[in-house]
N, C-alpha and C. Protein backbone atom coordinates (compact mmCIF):
# COMPACT_ATOMS: atom_id res chain seq x y z
N UNK A 1 -0.29 -9.93 -29.92
CA UNK A 1 -1.28 -9.29 -28.12
C UNK A 1 -1.71 -8.57 -28.55
N UNK A 2 -2.53 -8.42 -28.15
CA UNK A 2 -3.15 -6.69 -28.00
C UNK A 2 -3.29 -6.17 -26.52
N UNK A 3 -2.85 -4.66 -26.33
CA UNK A 3 -3.15 -4.43 -24.72
C UNK A 3 -3.25 -3.12 -25.19
N UNK A 4 -3.85 -2.34 -24.01
CA UNK A 4 -4.49 -1.50 -23.81
C UNK A 4 -3.71 -0.25 -22.89
N UNK A 5 -2.80 0.65 -22.75
CA UNK A 5 -2.51 1.78 -22.44
C UNK A 5 -3.20 2.79 -22.22
N UNK A 6 -3.49 2.84 -20.57
CA UNK A 6 -4.34 3.75 -20.09
C UNK A 6 -3.20 5.15 -19.69
N UNK A 7 -3.22 6.39 -20.42
CA UNK A 7 -2.16 7.22 -19.86
C UNK A 7 -0.90 7.04 -21.22
N UNK A 8 -0.79 8.46 -21.55
CA UNK A 8 0.19 8.61 -22.18
C UNK A 8 0.95 9.94 -22.20
N UNK A 9 1.01 10.19 -20.76
CA UNK A 9 2.17 10.90 -20.12
C UNK A 9 3.62 10.44 -20.47
N UNK A 10 4.08 10.99 -19.57
CA UNK A 10 6.02 10.67 -19.45
C UNK A 10 5.90 9.32 -19.11
N UNK A 11 5.52 8.21 -18.21
CA UNK A 11 5.43 7.24 -18.07
C UNK A 11 4.92 6.12 -19.05
N UNK A 12 3.42 6.68 -19.88
CA UNK A 12 2.88 5.73 -21.08
C UNK A 12 3.84 5.84 -22.21
N UNK A 13 4.44 6.99 -22.56
CA UNK A 13 5.36 7.19 -23.42
C UNK A 13 6.49 6.62 -23.68
N UNK A 14 7.11 6.36 -22.60
CA UNK A 14 8.86 5.97 -22.22
C UNK A 14 8.26 4.65 -22.56
N UNK A 15 7.02 4.11 -21.70
CA UNK A 15 7.11 2.30 -21.92
C UNK A 15 6.84 2.23 -23.22
N UNK A 16 6.29 2.99 -24.38
CA UNK A 16 5.97 2.62 -25.70
C UNK A 16 7.68 2.63 -26.04
N UNK A 17 8.42 3.39 -25.80
CA UNK A 17 9.52 2.72 -26.39
C UNK A 17 10.14 1.42 -26.12
N UNK A 18 9.24 0.94 -24.82
CA UNK A 18 10.28 -0.15 -24.22
C UNK A 18 9.49 -1.37 -25.15
N UNK A 19 8.47 -1.54 -25.05
CA UNK A 19 7.14 -2.79 -24.96
C UNK A 19 7.88 -3.18 -26.40
N UNK A 20 7.75 -4.20 -26.54
CA UNK A 20 8.24 -4.96 -27.65
C UNK A 20 7.55 -5.20 -28.63
N UNK A 21 7.76 -5.65 -29.96
CA UNK A 21 6.73 -5.46 -31.49
C UNK A 21 5.18 -6.54 -31.55
N UNK A 22 6.10 -7.80 -30.10
CA UNK A 22 4.56 -8.41 -30.45
C UNK A 22 3.56 -8.42 -29.82
N UNK A 23 4.06 -7.01 -29.37
CA UNK A 23 2.26 -6.17 -28.61
C UNK A 23 1.65 -5.26 -29.74
N UNK A 24 0.34 -5.47 -29.56
CA UNK A 24 0.04 -4.55 -30.65
C UNK A 24 -0.74 -3.40 -29.55
N UNK A 25 -0.07 -2.13 -29.70
CA UNK A 25 -0.50 -1.51 -28.38
C UNK A 25 -1.96 -0.30 -28.84
N UNK A 26 -2.90 0.10 -28.24
CA UNK A 26 -4.17 1.04 -28.59
C UNK A 26 -3.57 2.05 -26.73
N UNK A 27 -3.80 3.03 -27.16
CA UNK A 27 -3.58 4.27 -26.13
C UNK A 27 -4.45 4.97 -25.86
N UNK A 28 -4.76 5.18 -24.33
CA UNK A 28 -5.74 5.39 -23.97
C UNK A 28 -5.85 6.81 -23.04
N UNK A 29 -6.06 8.32 -23.94
CA UNK A 29 -5.99 9.62 -23.03
C UNK A 29 -6.79 10.62 -23.60
N UNK A 30 -7.17 11.42 -22.11
CA UNK A 30 -8.41 12.54 -22.48
C UNK A 30 -7.61 13.69 -23.07
N UNK A 31 -6.62 13.28 -22.75
CA UNK A 31 -5.96 14.93 -23.68
C UNK A 31 -5.21 14.45 -25.01
N UNK A 32 -5.61 15.40 -26.13
CA UNK A 32 -5.09 14.94 -27.22
C UNK A 32 -3.70 14.83 -27.82
N UNK A 33 -3.06 16.32 -26.91
CA UNK A 33 -1.71 16.34 -26.97
C UNK A 33 -0.63 15.37 -26.29
N UNK A 34 -1.76 14.46 -25.99
CA UNK A 34 -0.84 13.20 -25.30
C UNK A 34 -0.67 12.13 -26.30
N UNK A 35 -1.62 12.16 -26.73
CA UNK A 35 -1.71 10.73 -27.80
C UNK A 35 -1.45 11.16 -29.46
N UNK A 36 -1.05 12.97 -29.25
CA UNK A 36 -0.05 13.46 -30.37
C UNK A 36 1.26 12.97 -30.23
N UNK A 37 2.15 12.96 -28.89
CA UNK A 37 2.93 12.38 -28.43
C UNK A 37 3.39 11.00 -28.23
N UNK A 38 2.62 10.42 -27.96
CA UNK A 38 2.34 9.18 -27.83
C UNK A 38 2.92 8.12 -29.11
N UNK A 39 1.89 8.92 -30.71
CA UNK A 39 2.32 8.80 -31.84
C UNK A 39 3.54 8.94 -32.46
N UNK A 40 4.40 10.02 -31.86
CA UNK A 40 5.58 10.74 -32.74
C UNK A 40 6.78 9.22 -31.89
N UNK A 41 6.38 9.08 -30.39
CA UNK A 41 7.31 7.73 -30.12
C UNK A 41 7.02 6.50 -30.95
N UNK A 42 5.60 5.80 -31.31
CA UNK A 42 5.50 4.84 -31.80
C UNK A 42 4.01 5.03 -32.43
N UNK A 43 3.96 4.25 -33.38
CA UNK A 43 2.67 4.47 -34.53
C UNK A 43 1.64 3.16 -34.08
N UNK A 44 0.95 4.08 -33.26
CA UNK A 44 -0.23 2.75 -32.35
C UNK A 44 -1.68 3.39 -32.43
N UNK A 45 -2.44 2.66 -32.41
CA UNK A 45 -3.79 3.23 -32.94
C UNK A 45 -4.15 4.57 -31.18
N UNK A 46 -4.92 5.41 -31.52
CA UNK A 46 -5.55 5.87 -30.24
C UNK A 46 -7.07 5.94 -30.00
N UNK A 47 -6.96 6.38 -28.90
CA UNK A 47 -8.53 6.15 -28.53
C UNK A 47 -8.45 7.51 -27.09
N UNK A 48 -9.37 8.81 -28.13
CA UNK A 48 -8.94 10.06 -26.98
C UNK A 48 -10.51 9.82 -26.09
N UNK A 49 -9.95 9.79 -24.59
CA UNK A 49 -11.50 9.76 -23.99
C UNK A 49 -10.72 9.01 -22.50
N UNK A 50 -11.73 9.11 -21.26
CA UNK A 50 -11.22 8.93 -20.19
C UNK A 50 -11.28 7.67 -20.01
N UNK A 51 -10.10 7.06 -19.83
CA UNK A 51 -9.88 5.94 -19.29
C UNK A 51 -10.40 4.87 -18.15
N UNK A 52 -11.32 5.87 -17.55
CA UNK A 52 -11.65 4.80 -16.81
C UNK A 52 -13.94 4.77 -17.09
N UNK A 53 -13.57 5.16 -17.94
CA UNK A 53 -15.02 4.96 -19.12
C UNK A 53 -15.02 3.63 -19.61
N UNK A 54 -16.04 2.81 -19.20
CA UNK A 54 -16.41 1.27 -20.16
C UNK A 54 -16.63 1.91 -21.69
N UNK A 55 -17.12 2.46 -21.93
CA UNK A 55 -17.42 2.86 -23.60
C UNK A 55 -16.01 3.35 -24.49
N UNK A 56 -15.53 3.98 -23.43
CA UNK A 56 -14.07 4.69 -23.71
C UNK A 56 -13.16 3.00 -24.07
N UNK A 57 -13.11 2.45 -23.26
CA UNK A 57 -12.33 1.05 -23.17
C UNK A 57 -12.42 0.33 -24.10
N UNK A 58 -13.85 -0.02 -24.37
CA UNK A 58 -14.69 -1.26 -25.60
C UNK A 58 -13.93 -0.02 -26.41
N UNK A 59 -14.11 0.94 -26.79
CA UNK A 59 -14.03 1.31 -27.89
C UNK A 59 -12.03 1.04 -28.57
N UNK A 60 -11.67 0.96 -27.49
CA UNK A 60 -10.09 0.45 -27.45
C UNK A 60 -10.03 -0.91 -27.50
N UNK A 61 -11.28 -1.84 -27.45
CA UNK A 61 -11.30 -3.17 -27.79
C UNK A 61 -10.75 -3.80 -26.61
N UNK A 62 -11.37 -3.82 -25.48
CA UNK A 62 -10.94 -4.53 -24.00
C UNK A 62 -11.86 -5.47 -23.75
N UNK A 63 -12.63 -6.12 -24.82
CA UNK A 63 -12.88 -7.07 -24.64
C UNK A 63 -11.75 -8.17 -25.42
N UNK A 64 -11.00 -7.55 -26.48
CA UNK A 64 -10.13 -8.63 -26.69
C UNK A 64 -8.59 -7.97 -25.98
N UNK A 65 -8.03 -7.43 -25.68
CA UNK A 65 -7.06 -7.21 -24.79
C UNK A 65 -6.78 -8.27 -24.07
N UNK A 66 -5.31 -8.64 -24.60
CA UNK A 66 -4.41 -9.90 -23.33
C UNK A 66 -4.07 -9.34 -22.34
N UNK A 67 -4.25 -7.87 -22.24
CA UNK A 67 -2.96 -7.26 -21.27
C UNK A 67 -3.74 -5.50 -20.86
N UNK A 68 -3.90 -5.14 -19.95
CA UNK A 68 -4.38 -3.73 -19.48
C UNK A 68 -3.01 -3.03 -19.10
N UNK A 69 -2.37 -1.94 -19.24
CA UNK A 69 -1.51 -0.97 -18.24
C UNK A 69 -2.11 0.28 -17.89
N UNK A 70 -2.49 0.09 -16.59
CA UNK A 70 -3.30 1.49 -16.21
C UNK A 70 -2.28 2.58 -15.73
N UNK A 71 -1.31 3.57 -16.28
CA UNK A 71 -0.21 4.32 -16.13
C UNK A 71 -0.69 5.86 -16.12
N UNK A 72 -1.41 6.26 -15.66
CA UNK A 72 -2.38 7.63 -15.34
C UNK A 72 -1.18 8.15 -14.07
N UNK A 73 -1.46 9.30 -13.74
CA UNK A 73 -1.13 9.76 -12.57
C UNK A 73 -2.24 10.40 -11.66
N UNK A 74 -3.55 9.92 -11.97
CA UNK A 74 -4.32 9.59 -11.05
C UNK A 74 -5.42 8.35 -10.55
N UNK A 75 -4.68 7.81 -9.42
CA UNK A 75 -5.10 6.77 -9.09
C UNK A 75 -6.48 6.05 -8.67
N UNK A 76 -7.70 7.06 -9.58
CA UNK A 76 -8.97 6.32 -9.49
C UNK A 76 -9.35 6.04 -10.73
N UNK A 77 -8.25 7.31 -11.26
CA UNK A 77 -8.86 6.59 -13.09
C UNK A 77 -7.92 5.02 -12.69
N UNK A 78 -6.74 4.84 -12.36
CA UNK A 78 -6.29 3.60 -12.59
C UNK A 78 -6.89 2.63 -11.79
N UNK A 79 -7.81 2.82 -11.22
CA UNK A 79 -8.63 1.67 -10.35
C UNK A 79 -9.84 1.48 -10.64
N UNK A 80 -10.46 2.40 -11.58
CA UNK A 80 -11.49 2.22 -12.66
C UNK A 80 -11.06 1.25 -13.92
N UNK A 81 -9.96 1.81 -14.71
CA UNK A 81 -9.84 0.98 -15.55
C UNK A 81 -9.33 -0.20 -14.96
N UNK A 82 -8.32 -0.69 -13.96
CA UNK A 82 -8.27 -2.32 -13.45
C UNK A 82 -9.47 -2.89 -12.98
N UNK A 83 -10.47 -2.28 -12.49
CA UNK A 83 -11.58 -2.85 -12.02
C UNK A 83 -12.07 -3.40 -13.50
N UNK A 84 -12.80 -2.60 -14.70
CA UNK A 84 -12.97 -2.98 -15.54
C UNK A 84 -12.24 -3.98 -16.74
N UNK A 85 -11.03 -4.11 -16.52
CA UNK A 85 -10.48 -4.80 -17.19
C UNK A 85 -10.46 -6.01 -16.79
N UNK A 86 -10.37 -6.60 -15.14
CA UNK A 86 -10.56 -8.01 -14.95
C UNK A 86 -12.03 -8.11 -14.38
N UNK A 87 -13.13 -7.19 -14.52
CA UNK A 87 -14.21 -7.84 -14.54
C UNK A 87 -14.13 -8.30 -16.01
N UNK A 88 -13.79 -8.11 -17.13
CA UNK A 88 -13.62 -8.37 -18.42
C UNK A 88 -12.62 -9.68 -19.05
N UNK A 89 -12.21 -10.20 -17.47
CA UNK A 89 -10.98 -10.86 -18.16
C UNK A 89 -9.79 -10.94 -18.91
N UNK A 90 -9.38 -9.71 -18.57
CA UNK A 90 -8.31 -9.54 -19.00
C UNK A 90 -6.97 -10.26 -18.40
N UNK A 91 -6.03 -10.92 -18.75
CA UNK A 91 -5.35 -12.01 -18.05
C UNK A 91 -4.14 -11.02 -17.26
N UNK A 92 -3.61 -9.71 -17.85
CA UNK A 92 -2.05 -9.48 -17.47
C UNK A 92 -2.60 -8.10 -17.63
N UNK A 93 -2.47 -7.29 -16.18
CA UNK A 93 -2.76 -6.27 -15.72
C UNK A 93 -1.84 -5.60 -14.72
N UNK A 94 -1.67 -4.43 -15.22
CA UNK A 94 -0.28 -3.66 -14.26
C UNK A 94 -0.69 -2.62 -14.54
N UNK A 95 -1.00 -1.43 -13.06
CA UNK A 95 -1.12 -0.61 -12.64
C UNK A 95 -0.32 0.50 -11.96
N UNK A 96 0.07 1.82 -12.03
CA UNK A 96 0.12 2.54 -11.38
C UNK A 96 -0.51 3.05 -10.36
N UNK A 97 0.46 3.13 -9.14
CA UNK A 97 -0.11 3.37 -7.42
C UNK A 97 0.45 4.67 -7.04
N UNK A 98 -0.14 5.78 -6.81
CA UNK A 98 0.34 6.58 -6.19
C UNK A 98 0.28 6.71 -3.87
N UNK A 99 -0.86 5.73 -3.95
CA UNK A 99 -1.33 5.52 -2.69
C UNK A 99 -1.36 4.20 -2.28
N UNK A 100 -0.49 3.97 -0.93
CA UNK A 100 -0.71 2.61 -0.35
C UNK A 100 -1.99 1.94 -0.64
N UNK A 101 -3.19 2.48 -0.19
CA UNK A 101 -4.32 2.14 -0.13
C UNK A 101 -4.64 1.42 -1.56
N UNK A 102 -4.30 2.51 -2.30
CA UNK A 102 -4.72 2.00 -3.66
C UNK A 102 -3.88 0.92 -4.19
N UNK A 103 -2.73 0.71 -4.30
CA UNK A 103 -1.99 -0.37 -3.82
C UNK A 103 -2.77 -1.60 -4.25
N UNK A 104 -3.13 -1.37 -2.33
CA UNK A 104 -3.98 -2.76 -1.87
C UNK A 104 -4.99 -3.64 -2.66
N UNK A 105 -5.60 -2.09 -3.04
CA UNK A 105 -7.41 -2.36 -3.66
C UNK A 105 -6.69 -3.24 -5.17
N UNK A 106 -6.07 -2.52 -5.50
CA UNK A 106 -5.14 -2.56 -7.10
C UNK A 106 -5.09 -4.37 -6.97
N UNK A 107 -4.02 -4.66 -5.80
CA UNK A 107 -3.42 -6.26 -6.08
C UNK A 107 -4.74 -7.19 -6.09
N UNK A 108 -5.92 -6.37 -5.22
CA UNK A 108 -6.18 -7.31 -4.94
C UNK A 108 -7.68 -7.88 -6.09
N UNK A 109 -7.28 -7.20 -7.04
CA UNK A 109 -7.93 -7.52 -8.17
C UNK A 109 -7.01 -8.02 -9.46
N UNK A 110 -6.00 -8.41 -8.39
CA UNK A 110 -4.90 -9.32 -9.57
C UNK A 110 -3.69 -8.41 -10.48
N UNK A 111 -3.80 -7.46 -9.95
CA UNK A 111 -2.58 -6.10 -10.78
C UNK A 111 -1.55 -6.19 -10.42
N UNK A 112 -0.48 -6.06 -11.30
CA UNK A 112 0.59 -5.85 -10.70
C UNK A 112 0.93 -4.22 -10.23
N UNK A 113 1.36 -4.49 -9.48
CA UNK A 113 1.45 -2.63 -9.15
C UNK A 113 2.85 -1.93 -8.98
N UNK A 114 2.55 -0.83 -9.89
CA UNK A 114 4.07 -0.19 -10.04
C UNK A 114 3.82 1.30 -8.72
N UNK A 115 4.72 1.16 -8.17
CA UNK A 115 4.82 1.90 -7.38
C UNK A 115 6.12 3.58 -7.60
N UNK A 116 5.75 4.28 -8.54
CA UNK A 116 6.89 5.52 -8.38
C UNK A 116 7.49 5.88 -7.51
N UNK A 117 6.47 6.09 -5.97
CA UNK A 117 7.49 6.88 -5.36
C UNK A 117 8.44 5.74 -4.10
N UNK A 118 7.76 4.35 -4.25
CA UNK A 118 8.93 3.73 -3.87
C UNK A 118 10.07 3.39 -4.79
N UNK A 119 9.50 3.31 -5.97
CA UNK A 119 10.89 3.26 -6.81
C UNK A 119 11.72 4.11 -6.62
N UNK A 120 11.44 5.39 -6.77
CA UNK A 120 12.47 6.54 -6.73
C UNK A 120 12.95 6.36 -4.70
N UNK A 121 12.40 5.88 -4.00
CA UNK A 121 13.03 6.00 -2.76
C UNK A 121 13.96 4.71 -2.49
N UNK A 122 13.64 3.61 -3.68
CA UNK A 122 14.88 2.12 -3.46
C UNK A 122 16.27 2.78 -4.35
N UNK A 123 15.70 3.63 -5.42
CA UNK A 123 17.30 4.41 -6.50
C UNK A 123 17.75 5.07 -4.92
N UNK A 124 17.05 5.89 -4.81
CA UNK A 124 17.77 7.11 -3.44
C UNK A 124 19.05 5.82 -2.93
N UNK A 125 18.05 5.05 -2.40
CA UNK A 125 18.23 4.02 -0.81
C UNK A 125 20.15 3.15 -1.29
N UNK A 126 19.56 3.09 -2.80
CA UNK A 126 20.82 2.73 -3.43
C UNK A 126 21.95 3.16 -3.47
N UNK A 127 21.83 4.74 -3.74
CA UNK A 127 22.81 5.29 -4.41
C UNK A 127 23.21 5.81 -2.94
N UNK A 128 22.81 5.69 -2.10
CA UNK A 128 23.37 6.61 -0.68
C UNK A 128 24.99 4.42 -0.29
N UNK A 129 24.49 4.23 -1.36
CA UNK A 129 25.47 2.82 -0.38
C UNK A 129 27.19 3.10 -1.20
N UNK A 130 28.23 2.67 -0.52
CA UNK A 130 29.30 2.62 -0.66
C UNK A 130 29.95 1.41 -1.77
N UNK A 131 28.74 0.45 -1.76
CA UNK A 131 29.47 -0.06 -2.95
C UNK A 131 28.78 -0.70 -4.00
N UNK A 132 28.65 -1.26 -5.24
CA UNK A 132 27.80 -1.21 -5.88
C UNK A 132 26.96 -2.34 -6.02
N UNK A 133 25.31 -2.00 -5.44
CA UNK A 133 24.35 -3.09 -5.73
C UNK A 133 23.33 -2.35 -6.95
N UNK A 134 23.04 -3.42 -6.68
CA UNK A 134 21.62 -3.35 -8.28
C UNK A 134 20.58 -4.37 -7.74
N UNK A 135 19.46 -3.82 -7.49
CA UNK A 135 18.36 -4.31 -7.54
C UNK A 135 17.20 -4.29 -8.05
N UNK A 136 16.38 -5.66 -8.01
CA UNK A 136 15.38 -6.14 -8.96
C UNK A 136 13.87 -6.47 -7.88
N UNK A 137 12.86 -6.00 -8.02
CA UNK A 137 11.90 -6.10 -7.29
C UNK A 137 11.28 -7.06 -7.65
N UNK A 138 10.13 -8.42 -7.38
CA UNK A 138 9.65 -8.66 -8.41
C UNK A 138 8.19 -9.12 -7.15
N UNK A 139 7.64 -10.22 -7.38
CA UNK A 139 6.49 -11.08 -6.68
C UNK A 139 5.93 -9.65 -5.92
N UNK A 140 5.68 -8.78 -7.01
CA UNK A 140 4.41 -7.74 -6.74
C UNK A 140 5.03 -6.99 -5.83
N UNK A 141 6.18 -6.96 -5.94
CA UNK A 141 7.11 -5.90 -4.66
C UNK A 141 7.62 -6.75 -3.31
N UNK A 142 7.54 -7.96 -3.41
CA UNK A 142 7.37 -8.38 -2.20
C UNK A 142 8.51 -8.71 -1.72
N UNK A 143 9.43 -9.06 -3.05
CA UNK A 143 10.53 -9.81 -2.68
C UNK A 143 11.63 -9.26 -3.81
N UNK A 144 12.81 -9.32 -3.55
CA UNK A 144 13.72 -8.31 -4.31
C UNK A 144 15.15 -9.26 -4.66
N UNK A 145 15.76 -9.23 -5.36
CA UNK A 145 17.07 -9.73 -5.80
C UNK A 145 17.67 -8.75 -6.00
N UNK A 146 19.21 -9.09 -5.72
CA UNK A 146 20.42 -8.12 -5.72
C UNK A 146 21.83 -9.04 -5.90
N UNK A 147 22.29 -7.61 -6.68
CA UNK A 147 23.46 -8.13 -7.24
C UNK A 147 24.72 -7.40 -6.18
N UNK A 148 25.91 -8.35 -5.69
CA UNK A 148 26.40 -7.30 -4.84
C UNK A 148 27.92 -7.82 -5.74
N UNK A 149 28.85 -6.76 -6.00
CA UNK A 149 30.08 -7.16 -6.43
C UNK A 149 31.16 -7.57 -5.13
N UNK A 150 31.80 -8.59 -4.86
CA UNK A 150 32.47 -8.81 -3.72
C UNK A 150 34.53 -8.14 -4.17
N UNK A 151 34.96 -7.17 -3.16
CA UNK A 151 35.40 -6.48 -3.36
C UNK A 151 36.49 -6.97 -2.23
N UNK A 152 37.63 -6.50 -2.64
CA UNK A 152 38.82 -7.21 -1.68
C UNK A 152 39.02 -6.84 0.30
N UNK A 153 37.86 -5.52 0.09
CA UNK A 153 38.22 -5.26 1.76
C UNK A 153 36.48 -5.49 1.67
N UNK A 154 35.51 -6.67 1.14
CA UNK A 154 34.18 -6.90 1.30
C UNK A 154 34.07 -7.24 2.59
N UNK A 155 33.16 -7.37 3.80
CA UNK A 155 32.66 -8.00 4.73
C UNK A 155 33.05 -9.64 4.33
N UNK A 156 32.47 -10.14 3.64
CA UNK A 156 32.38 -11.23 3.54
C UNK A 156 33.32 -12.00 2.84
N UNK A 157 34.24 -11.70 2.07
CA UNK A 157 35.11 -12.10 1.43
C UNK A 157 35.66 -13.09 2.10
N UNK A 158 36.28 -14.15 1.90
CA UNK A 158 36.66 -15.55 2.78
C UNK A 158 35.88 -16.55 3.63
N UNK A 159 34.78 -15.73 3.12
CA UNK A 159 33.44 -16.83 4.32
C UNK A 159 32.88 -17.46 3.93
N UNK A 160 32.33 -18.68 4.13
CA UNK A 160 32.03 -19.98 3.75
C UNK A 160 30.77 -19.27 3.99
N UNK A 161 29.66 -20.05 2.75
CA UNK A 161 28.33 -19.24 3.04
C UNK A 161 27.87 -20.60 4.00
N UNK A 162 28.34 -20.98 4.95
CA UNK A 162 27.11 -21.88 6.05
C UNK A 162 27.60 -21.21 6.97
N UNK A 163 28.64 -20.16 6.95
CA UNK A 163 28.88 -19.94 8.41
C UNK A 163 27.77 -18.66 8.58
N UNK A 164 27.05 -17.90 7.68
CA UNK A 164 26.28 -17.07 7.78
C UNK A 164 25.24 -17.12 8.78
N UNK A 165 24.41 -18.60 8.82
CA UNK A 165 23.38 -19.84 10.04
C UNK A 165 22.18 -19.53 8.94
N UNK A 166 21.27 -18.83 10.19
CA UNK A 166 19.64 -18.81 9.28
C UNK A 166 19.21 -17.30 9.36
N UNK A 167 19.94 -16.90 8.04
CA UNK A 167 19.52 -15.37 7.60
C UNK A 167 18.30 -15.87 6.72
N UNK A 168 17.69 -14.54 6.37
CA UNK A 168 16.13 -14.11 5.86
C UNK A 168 16.58 -14.03 4.63
N UNK A 169 18.08 -14.02 4.06
CA UNK A 169 17.99 -14.41 2.71
C UNK A 169 18.72 -15.64 1.83
N UNK A 170 18.65 -15.82 0.68
CA UNK A 170 19.46 -16.82 0.19
C UNK A 170 20.54 -16.66 -1.06
N UNK A 171 21.52 -16.91 -1.07
CA UNK A 171 22.06 -16.63 -2.38
C UNK A 171 22.16 -17.69 -3.41
N UNK A 172 22.00 -17.01 -4.18
CA UNK A 172 21.18 -17.53 -5.73
C UNK A 172 22.08 -18.25 -6.79
N UNK A 173 23.19 -17.63 -6.79
CA UNK A 173 23.99 -17.82 -7.81
C UNK A 173 25.56 -17.29 -8.03
N UNK A 174 26.31 -17.54 -8.24
CA UNK A 174 27.91 -16.70 -8.32
C UNK A 174 28.05 -16.77 -9.62
N UNK A 175 28.47 -15.52 -10.30
CA UNK A 175 29.38 -15.30 -11.71
C UNK A 175 30.79 -14.85 -11.12
N UNK A 176 31.34 -16.31 -11.29
CA UNK A 176 32.98 -16.14 -10.98
C UNK A 176 34.01 -15.88 -12.36
N UNK A 177 34.47 -15.31 -12.79
CA UNK A 177 35.18 -15.42 -13.49
C UNK A 177 34.92 -15.83 -14.83
N UNK A 178 33.65 -15.31 -15.19
CA UNK A 178 32.60 -15.59 -16.08
C UNK A 178 32.43 -16.75 -16.05
N UNK A 179 32.30 -17.62 -14.95
CA UNK A 179 31.75 -19.01 -14.83
C UNK A 179 30.62 -18.81 -14.35
N UNK A 180 29.18 -19.81 -14.03
CA UNK A 180 28.32 -19.70 -12.81
C UNK A 180 28.87 -20.92 -11.77
N UNK A 181 28.34 -20.15 -11.12
CA UNK A 181 28.86 -21.42 -9.66
C UNK A 181 27.07 -20.82 -9.13
N UNK A 182 26.81 -22.34 -8.89
CA UNK A 182 26.09 -22.50 -8.13
C UNK A 182 26.48 -22.60 -6.64
N UNK A 183 26.08 -21.81 -5.55
CA UNK A 183 26.74 -22.02 -4.34
C UNK A 183 26.11 -22.90 -3.47
N UNK A 184 26.91 -23.34 -2.86
CA UNK A 184 26.45 -24.66 -1.38
C UNK A 184 27.29 -24.36 -0.12
N UNK A 185 27.48 -25.05 1.11
CA UNK A 185 27.25 -24.67 2.19
C UNK A 185 28.85 -24.16 2.26
N UNK A 186 29.43 -24.77 1.35
CA UNK A 186 31.47 -24.88 1.34
C UNK A 186 31.93 -23.24 0.43
N UNK A 187 30.70 -22.96 -0.22
CA UNK A 187 31.07 -21.72 -1.08
C UNK A 187 31.91 -20.62 -0.72
N UNK A 188 33.22 -20.11 -0.91
CA UNK A 188 33.51 -19.54 -0.40
C UNK A 188 33.79 -17.97 -1.09
N UNK A 189 33.25 -17.00 -0.33
CA UNK A 189 33.14 -15.45 -1.29
C UNK A 189 34.55 -15.13 -2.26
N UNK A 190 35.20 -14.61 -2.99
CA UNK A 190 35.59 -14.41 -3.35
C UNK A 190 36.36 -12.90 -4.03
N UNK A 191 37.33 -12.10 -3.76
CA UNK A 191 36.80 -10.91 -4.67
C UNK A 191 36.39 -10.76 -6.02
N UNK A 192 35.77 -10.43 -6.82
CA UNK A 192 35.47 -10.01 -8.16
C UNK A 192 34.08 -10.92 -8.30
N UNK A 193 33.71 -11.82 -7.33
CA UNK A 193 32.58 -12.65 -7.25
C UNK A 193 31.42 -11.87 -7.33
N UNK A 194 30.21 -11.85 -8.68
CA UNK A 194 29.35 -11.27 -8.98
C UNK A 194 28.14 -12.20 -8.00
N UNK A 195 27.89 -11.71 -6.71
CA UNK A 195 26.54 -12.31 -6.31
C UNK A 195 25.11 -12.44 -6.24
N UNK A 196 23.99 -12.84 -6.37
CA UNK A 196 22.84 -12.76 -6.52
C UNK A 196 22.36 -13.45 -5.54
N UNK A 197 21.88 -12.67 -4.67
CA UNK A 197 21.07 -12.48 -3.02
C UNK A 197 19.00 -12.60 -3.53
N UNK A 198 18.76 -13.24 -2.60
CA UNK A 198 16.98 -13.21 -3.00
C UNK A 198 16.86 -13.23 -1.87
N UNK A 199 15.60 -12.42 -0.93
CA UNK A 199 15.28 -12.24 0.11
C UNK A 199 14.15 -11.32 -0.12
N UNK A 200 13.27 -11.01 1.18
CA UNK A 200 11.81 -10.59 0.97
C UNK A 200 12.10 -9.10 1.01
N UNK A 201 11.65 -8.29 0.40
CA UNK A 201 11.85 -6.69 0.48
C UNK A 201 12.08 -6.16 1.42
N UNK A 202 11.50 -6.52 2.66
CA UNK A 202 11.63 -5.59 4.25
C UNK A 202 12.71 -6.22 4.81
N UNK A 203 13.87 -7.53 4.18
CA UNK A 203 15.18 -7.18 4.74
C UNK A 203 15.93 -6.64 3.66
N UNK A 204 15.72 -5.90 2.97
CA UNK A 204 16.68 -5.48 1.72
C UNK A 204 18.13 -4.42 2.88
N UNK A 205 17.32 -4.05 3.92
CA UNK A 205 18.34 -3.17 4.66
C UNK A 205 19.30 -4.16 5.02
N UNK A 206 18.88 -5.16 5.56
CA UNK A 206 20.42 -6.01 6.03
C UNK A 206 20.84 -6.77 5.20
N UNK A 207 20.33 -7.18 4.15
CA UNK A 207 21.12 -7.85 2.87
C UNK A 207 22.63 -6.89 2.49
N UNK A 208 22.39 -5.47 2.65
CA UNK A 208 22.96 -4.84 2.03
C UNK A 208 24.10 -4.30 3.66
N UNK A 209 23.55 -4.24 4.69
CA UNK A 209 24.83 -4.12 5.61
C UNK A 209 25.38 -5.60 5.65
N UNK A 210 24.96 -7.02 5.36
CA UNK A 210 25.57 -7.75 5.15
C UNK A 210 26.91 -7.97 4.39
N UNK A 211 26.31 -7.82 3.11
CA UNK A 211 27.59 -7.72 2.07
C UNK A 211 28.26 -6.26 1.68
N UNK A 212 28.02 -5.39 2.48
CA UNK A 212 28.45 -4.27 2.29
C UNK A 212 29.21 -3.23 3.89
N UNK A 213 29.01 -3.84 5.06
CA UNK A 213 29.58 -2.86 5.84
C UNK A 213 29.98 -4.16 7.01
N UNK A 214 30.08 -4.82 6.72
CA UNK A 214 30.55 -5.77 7.84
C UNK A 214 29.35 -6.69 8.61
N UNK A 215 28.76 -6.29 8.50
CA UNK A 215 27.43 -6.52 9.56
C UNK A 215 26.97 -8.02 8.86
N UNK A 216 26.50 -8.98 9.67
CA UNK A 216 26.07 -9.96 9.41
C UNK A 216 26.82 -11.19 9.89
């Protein structure tokens, strides 16, 4: 499948290292040095030019693209690239946004939005926790799936799931001694359990408090 990557900076080059071989990626950037750096990472076709230009994007194969990734550090460029991609019927659109207002507009055009500032803040927040917590955002950042390791001194150790009442989150799965446990009301949390919890991103702090500090 064909994809267009607008922006061959640090983020774009890191993505090139990770994206699967099934994608044929064309990289667009106005800086020739960035395009050279991208080709050092991966042998890809490149187009030198402004990623917000319809002409440049057409040269990159916009009309045949299945995906667009707008990864520059300029929200205006990303906005225009996404608008043109949406107009052209590109099915999968991912964009970087620094400003919340830009993120709102991008989402209205059907883009999945990544905010480096929000991701950095969340990582710092996780680093402050006393217990090991891992987190993955989905549903355009509105929901979060978190994993908590239950320890001997965990506040939920020995508690039945049904005793939590009406909480704004749900326990989706428990990995116990390498066996998958589908939880129900009478499931009891045991030391060593790896618990997957799903909830709204706005309830992140409450979920962490419940599983790591004795509140809940």
